[in-house]
Structure formats: structure tokens, C-alpha cells
Protein backbone atom coordinates (compact mmCIF):
# COMPACT_ATOMS: atom_id res chain seq x y z
CA MET A 1 20.97 30.80 166.59
CA VAL A 2 19.78 29.07 163.58
CA HIS A 3 22.12 28.81 160.37
CA ILE A 4 21.05 27.28 157.37
CA ILE A 5 23.51 26.13 153.99
CA ALA A 6 22.80 23.92 150.66
CA GLY A 7 25.02 21.60 150.02
CA ILE A 8 25.19 21.02 145.83
CA ASP A 9 26.57 17.66 145.53
CA VAL A 10 27.32 18.74 141.41
CA HIS A 11 27.50 15.51 138.51
CA LYS A 12 27.64 16.03 135.22
CA ARG A 13 23.60 15.57 134.80
CA MET A 14 22.47 15.51 138.64
CA LEU A 15 22.57 17.56 141.63
CA MET A 16 22.16 16.45 144.73
CA VAL A 17 20.86 19.27 146.98
CA ALA A 18 20.80 19.35 150.63
CA VAL A 19 19.24 21.65 152.87
CA GLY A 20 21.01 21.77 156.47
CA VAL A 21 18.78 23.52 159.02
CA MET A 22 21.46 23.90 161.97
CA ASP A 23 19.99 24.90 165.25
CA MET A 24 22.50 25.80 167.93
CA HIS A 25 21.63 26.62 171.62
CA THR A 26 23.03 26.27 175.05
CA GLU A 27 21.33 23.72 176.87
CA ASN A 28 22.88 22.92 181.13
CA GLY A 29 25.95 25.50 179.99
CA GLU A 30 26.60 23.32 176.94
CA ILE A 31 26.72 24.19 173.36
CA THR A 32 24.52 21.99 171.83
CA GLU A 33 24.09 21.46 167.79
CA GLN A 34 20.96 19.71 166.20
CA VAL A 35 20.47 18.85 162.63
CA ALA A 36 17.79 18.23 160.16
CA PHE A 37 17.72 18.12 156.22
CA GLU A 38 15.56 18.20 153.15
CA ASN A 39 17.31 16.75 150.58
CA ARG A 40 16.40 16.88 146.70
CA ARG A 41 17.88 15.69 143.16
CA PHE A 42 17.83 18.33 140.63
CA GLY A 43 18.88 17.65 136.77
CA THR A 44 21.29 20.54 135.18
CA THR A 45 19.35 21.88 132.13
CA ALA A 46 18.38 25.93 133.09
CA ALA A 47 15.37 25.38 134.09
CA GLU A 48 15.62 22.90 136.61
CA TRP A 49 19.05 25.60 137.59
CA ARG A 50 16.15 28.34 138.35
CA HIS A 51 13.93 25.04 139.68
CA LEU A 52 16.91 24.73 142.33
CA ALA A 53 17.02 28.85 142.71
CA ALA A 54 13.27 28.96 143.51
CA TRP A 55 13.85 25.70 146.11
CA LEU A 56 16.50 26.98 148.07
CA SER A 57 14.76 30.64 148.51
CA ARG A 58 11.55 28.51 149.67
CA PHE A 59 14.15 27.02 152.36
CA GLY A 60 15.63 30.44 153.43
CA VAL A 61 18.65 29.34 152.45
CA GLN A 62 21.47 32.12 153.85
CA GLU A 63 24.99 30.18 152.09
CA VAL A 64 25.85 27.14 149.30
CA VAL A 65 28.43 25.49 149.08
CA MET A 66 29.25 23.21 146.69
CA GLU A 67 32.49 21.03 145.21
CA SER A 68 34.70 21.51 142.79
CA THR A 69 33.57 19.14 139.69
CA ALA A 70 35.04 19.30 136.85
CA GLN A 71 33.80 22.77 135.29
CA TYR A 72 30.15 21.45 135.42
CA TRP A 73 30.29 23.83 138.68
CA LYS A 74 30.08 26.51 136.86
CA PRO A 75 26.71 27.05 135.64
CA VAL A 76 25.30 26.29 138.85
CA TRP A 77 27.71 29.32 140.27
CA LEU A 78 25.93 31.86 137.77
CA THR A 79 22.78 30.62 138.13
CA LEU A 80 22.95 31.00 142.00
CA GLU A 81 25.87 34.30 142.06
CA GLY A 82 24.11 37.55 143.19
CA SER A 83 20.85 35.14 145.84
CA PHE A 84 22.82 33.47 148.13
CA ARG A 85 26.92 33.71 149.60
CA LEU A 86 28.58 31.05 148.24
CA GLN A 87 31.47 28.72 149.02
CA LEU A 88 33.31 26.59 146.34
CA ALA A 89 35.50 23.25 148.15
CA GLN A 90 38.13 21.74 146.88
CA ALA A 91 36.79 17.87 146.72
CA TRP A 92 39.90 16.08 148.82
CA SER A 93 38.37 17.93 151.21
CA ASN A 94 34.92 16.52 151.69
CA ARG A 95 36.59 13.17 151.09
CA ALA A 96 33.58 10.32 152.51
CA PRO A 97 35.52 7.26 154.69
CA ARG A 98 36.21 4.49 153.13
CA GLY A 99 32.98 2.86 151.80
CA LYS A 100 30.60 5.37 152.73
CA LYS A 101 30.11 7.95 149.73
CA THR A 102 26.31 8.20 148.52
CA ASP A 103 24.69 11.46 147.20
CA TYR A 104 23.02 12.83 149.86
CA LYS A 105 25.63 12.03 152.30
CA ASP A 106 28.43 13.73 149.75
CA ALA A 107 26.25 17.21 150.11
CA GLN A 108 24.92 16.86 154.01
CA ARG A 109 28.44 16.61 154.41
CA LEU A 110 29.47 19.41 152.77
CA VAL A 111 26.63 20.98 154.96
CA ARG A 112 28.81 19.77 158.20
CA ARG A 113 32.82 20.14 157.09
CA HIS A 114 31.34 23.57 156.31
CA PHE A 115 29.89 24.83 158.92
CA ALA A 116 32.51 23.33 161.65
CA GLY A 117 35.09 25.54 159.11
CA GLU A 118 37.04 22.17 157.56
CA LEU A 119 36.50 22.39 154.03
CA THR A 120 38.93 24.06 152.03
CA LEU A 121 37.33 26.61 149.70
CA SER A 122 38.50 27.82 146.85
CA PHE A 123 38.53 31.37 145.54
CA VAL A 124 35.91 32.41 143.15
CA PRO A 125 36.52 35.96 141.78
CA ASP A 126 34.01 38.59 140.53
CA ALA A 127 32.38 38.26 137.17
CA GLU A 128 34.98 41.20 135.91
CA GLN A 129 37.89 39.12 137.00
CA ARG A 130 36.33 35.96 135.30
CA GLN A 131 35.87 37.72 132.46
CA MET A 132 39.81 39.33 132.16
CA ARG A 133 40.22 35.57 132.80
CA THR A 134 39.31 33.57 130.70
CA ILE A 135 40.65 36.41 127.80
CA THR A 136 44.18 35.89 129.43
CA ARG A 137 44.21 32.21 130.06
CA ARG A 138 42.97 32.05 126.08
CA ARG A 139 45.42 33.70 125.15
CA THR A 140 48.41 31.44 127.29
CA GLN A 141 46.42 28.48 125.89
CA LEU A 142 47.19 29.79 121.66
CA THR A 143 51.15 30.86 122.90
CA ARG A 144 51.30 27.61 124.45
CA GLU A 145 49.61 25.81 121.04
CA ARG A 146 51.66 28.06 118.82
CA VAL A 147 54.82 26.59 120.15
CA ARG A 148 53.89 23.39 120.08
CA LEU A 149 52.93 23.83 115.98
CA ARG A 150 56.24 25.46 116.10
CA ASN A 151 58.09 22.45 116.91
CA GLN A 152 55.97 20.07 115.09
CA LEU A 153 56.94 22.04 111.99
CA GLU A 154 60.81 22.22 113.14
CA ALA A 155 60.29 18.47 113.66
CA LEU A 156 59.04 17.95 110.08
CA LEU A 157 61.87 19.96 108.54
CA GLU A 158 64.18 17.50 109.60
CA GLU A 159 62.67 14.85 108.20
CA GLY A 160 62.67 16.56 104.84
CA ARG A 161 66.18 17.43 105.95
CA ILE A 162 65.99 21.52 105.35
CA LYS A 163 68.11 22.82 108.46
CA LEU A 164 67.23 25.87 108.29
CA SER A 165 66.09 25.49 112.79
CA SER A 166 70.28 25.28 112.58
CA VAL A 167 71.64 28.40 111.08
CA ILE A 168 68.42 30.61 111.99
CA SER A 169 67.97 31.60 115.05
CA ASP A 170 64.19 32.46 114.88
CA LEU A 171 62.28 30.06 112.80
CA LEU A 172 58.65 31.55 112.67
CA GLY A 173 60.93 35.44 111.68
CA ALA A 174 60.39 37.63 108.92
CA SER A 175 63.16 35.44 106.87
CA GLY A 176 61.99 32.08 108.16
CA ARG A 177 58.28 33.09 107.15
CA ARG A 178 59.27 34.13 103.50
CA ILE A 179 62.02 30.82 103.16
CA LEU A 180 58.85 28.46 104.59
CA GLU A 181 56.43 29.95 102.45
CA ALA A 182 58.21 28.88 98.97
CA LEU A 183 59.10 26.12 99.81
CA ALA A 184 55.38 25.23 100.19
CA ASP A 185 54.71 26.94 97.26
CA GLY A 186 57.17 24.57 95.40
CA VAL A 187 60.37 26.45 95.44
CA ASP A 188 63.01 23.60 95.36
CA ASN A 189 66.48 25.66 94.27
CA PRO A 190 68.36 26.55 98.05
CA GLU A 191 69.67 29.81 95.94
CA SER A 192 66.68 30.77 95.28
CA LEU A 193 65.17 30.24 98.88
CA ALA A 194 68.68 31.38 100.24
CA ALA A 195 67.99 34.56 98.47
CA LEU A 196 64.43 35.40 100.54
CA GLY A 197 66.78 34.94 103.74
CA ASP A 198 67.62 38.64 105.44
CA GLU A 199 70.84 40.33 104.82
CA ARG A 200 70.67 40.70 109.45
CA LEU A 201 71.02 36.87 109.59
CA LYS A 202 74.17 35.83 111.38
CA CYS A 203 75.06 33.07 109.32
CA THR A 204 76.77 33.50 105.68
CA ARG A 205 74.69 32.49 102.83
CA GLU A 206 76.69 29.55 102.44
CA GLN A 207 75.62 28.16 105.47
CA LEU A 208 72.02 28.61 104.57
CA VAL A 209 72.54 27.01 100.96
CA GLU A 210 73.77 23.99 102.95
CA ALA A 211 71.16 24.29 105.45
CA LEU A 212 68.06 24.24 103.12
CA SER A 213 69.81 21.99 100.84
CA GLY A 214 67.59 18.56 102.12
CA ASN A 215 65.10 16.79 99.98
CA PRO A 216 61.61 17.32 100.48
CA THR A 217 58.58 16.17 99.14
CA ALA A 218 55.76 16.97 98.30
CA ILE A 219 53.54 15.52 101.04
CA HIS A 220 55.82 17.53 103.28
CA ARG A 221 55.46 21.10 101.51
CA LYS A 222 52.10 20.66 101.41
CA LEU A 223 52.45 20.04 105.53
CA VAL A 224 54.00 22.44 105.79
CA ARG A 225 51.22 24.76 103.85
CA GLN A 226 48.85 23.50 106.42
CA TYR A 227 51.32 24.13 109.95
CA LEU A 228 51.59 28.28 108.26
CA ASP A 229 47.99 28.27 107.89
CA GLN A 230 47.74 27.97 110.86
CA LEU A 231 50.27 29.36 112.98
CA SER A 232 49.06 32.16 110.54
CA LEU A 233 45.40 31.85 112.51
CA LEU A 234 47.46 31.88 115.93
CA ASP A 235 49.35 35.07 115.65
CA LYS A 236 45.36 36.07 114.65
CA GLN A 237 43.72 35.40 117.53
CA ARG A 238 46.35 35.99 119.80
CA GLU A 239 46.02 39.88 118.50
CA GLU A 240 42.39 39.82 118.74
CA LEU A 241 42.58 38.11 122.45
CA SER A 242 45.40 40.61 122.94
CA GLN A 243 43.45 44.18 121.91
CA MET A 244 41.03 41.66 124.26
CA SER A 245 42.90 41.77 127.32
CA ALA A 246 43.51 45.79 127.23
CA ASP A 247 40.65 46.58 126.22
CA SER A 248 38.90 44.21 129.17
CA LEU A 249 41.64 45.98 131.84
CA ARG A 250 41.50 49.37 130.47
CA ASP A 251 40.33 50.89 134.14
CA TYR A 252 43.44 49.29 135.50
CA SER A 253 46.57 50.44 133.67
CA GLU A 254 47.75 51.96 135.68
CA ALA A 255 47.93 48.96 137.63
CA VAL A 256 49.46 47.00 135.17
CA ARG A 257 52.13 50.01 133.77
CA ARG A 258 53.32 49.94 137.80
CA LEU A 259 54.02 45.94 137.28
CA ALA A 260 55.31 45.46 133.71
CA GLN A 261 58.08 48.05 135.99
CA ILE A 262 59.27 44.56 138.08
CA PRO A 263 62.45 43.56 136.27
CA GLY A 264 61.46 40.66 134.01
CA ILE A 265 57.44 42.07 134.05
CA ARG A 266 56.98 42.65 131.02
CA VAL A 267 52.66 43.89 129.94
CA LEU A 268 51.20 40.82 129.13
CA ALA A 269 52.96 38.58 132.43
CA ALA A 270 51.80 42.33 134.56
CA GLN A 271 47.99 41.96 132.32
CA GLN A 272 48.29 37.74 133.58
CA ILE A 273 49.09 38.94 136.85
CA VAL A 274 46.22 41.55 137.30
CA ALA A 275 44.04 39.36 136.10
CA GLU A 276 44.76 36.62 137.85
CA ALA A 277 45.75 37.54 141.23
CA GLY A 278 42.77 40.93 140.68
CA PRO A 279 42.75 44.37 140.54
CA ARG A 280 42.74 44.78 144.01
CA ALA A 281 44.15 41.35 145.44
CA GLU A 282 42.06 41.72 147.95
CA ALA A 283 41.85 37.66 148.11
CA PHE A 284 45.43 38.21 149.34
CA PRO A 285 46.31 40.27 151.66
CA CYS A 286 49.15 41.99 151.76
CA GLU A 287 50.64 45.44 153.52
CA LEU A 288 52.97 45.95 150.61
CA SER A 289 50.94 45.85 147.96
CA VAL A 290 51.68 46.35 144.51
CA ILE A 291 48.48 46.67 142.52
CA PRO A 292 46.80 49.52 143.58
CA SER A 293 42.97 49.86 144.11
CA ARG A 294 40.20 50.56 141.68
CA SER A 295 39.38 54.31 143.82
CA ASN A 296 43.49 55.50 143.40
CA LEU A 297 42.97 54.42 139.57
């Protein structure tokens, strides 16, 4: 039986490719394995990726395995997707013996270890799920960035002896925003700033006035304005991403709804789970699957 497998050692500016022809046959009652390799180097431009695909097809390659090297494997994968059976190996599972790391040897080792079942393979979802992940992960990144900016803004206010976060629970809530906007615009009277607070605030007016009786400089005010502008942009982008996420998951709204019924999981978290695990969670087989198949939606 002959297996033709290609191993690709992915670098930022080049691809080291080894096509292994694995010939297994029985001789005197024993299984014998013979391997012959063809090696070639490719660049990492669109034209080179096309040449790679054509070269692999010419050899009759059935399966391609590559290492998950940073993000550089992704365009190679996208070029070959649909034409070959692709596998992504975690780099640590293809480590070379000490002092024996060479480019073509790495690619050949990928072939040998994959054929022997010794590689740890990563789950790479299909194009639709990858798009879902891109959107939900970007939204998560912006949420973390918002928390970071909020903390930096609070530190800036402390430097200006403004203790606003000590008396209101949400620094960036409606009341906090109004007060910060006025502070950035040059309002320096604590009474005037405190008057912008909502009556539903748990602190008293006196406590709010005292918290706002600091001494922010002109530089502090300008920096507060920058933070507020950044936060406004982030909030706008997060809203756009939420809409994009809802649109991309529209066909799986029932799965999202069912997940959101679990205590502690809200809609955004449910969308994240579907994007990460897949609409059918096929990569994680389980008899008690929470997410229904698409055919049941």
C-alpha cells in the first residue's frame, strides 16, 4: 500500500516541503516500510503558494501536515484547503533530537511521525466557524482593552485627586460619563460636577462633592478626554461586532438560545461557545451534546 504525504515546515519567509512516498508491503510475513522523499523550498507569496499546490498535485499528494508556527501557517492552509486533506501539528510534538534540527529533516519528520500517529494534531474548524471565531475573539479583545483603559483612567483620576470611583459603582456608567465629560471640558467646580450625578446614586451629594474636590491639571483634563474618546470608539466597535456576531450565528440561534438557558451563561458567552466548539460540536463527541445539529434547527 502506498501513501503519499507532504510535510511542510513553515517559516515567515519560506516553506520547506518534503513529499514522502510511504510504501508498505509484506515480506516473509513481516511488514516492511520504505520511504522516499522529494524536497523543495518555496517562498511565501501568493504565486509561490499556487506553485506549491500545483507541485503537490503533480506528486499525487493525498494528505498534507504542517506545524502550527505562529500565524504563518494560516495562508498556506487557506491556499491548500479543499484540494488536500490537511492536518495541523502542534510544534512541540515534532521536536527534533538535540542538535539535529534541519529544515528538510523537520518536514520529513512531520511525515514520518504523522504516518506513525505520533503527532498531536490541532483542531482547525471550517471556514464558516473560523469567521465566527474571528468576530467573537475580536469582541473579546476589545472588551479586555476597555477594562485596561478604564483602569488607566481611574489611575489618572487618582493622580488628580479625583476619587470618583470610590463613591460610584460604575465609573463609566451614565452618571460617571457625564461627570467625566464635564471634567474634560474644563468644569472644575465640585458642586457643578456633582450636580450631574443621577439621583439614584447610592452615595450622598456631599460624598460626591468631596470625591470631586481634587486638583486635576490641564494635562489631566486632556488625557481624560483622550481616554473618553478611545472608550467611545471601543464601545461603538463592540456594538458593531455584536451585530456581526448575531448575523454570523443567525442559523444557529436555537443553539445559542439553549446554551443561554444554562445558569451563568448569557447570550454573548453562548455565542462564544458556539464559535469555539462549533455549531454541532463535532470535534468534541459527547452523548449529552448541548448544541443541536444544524438539521434540527
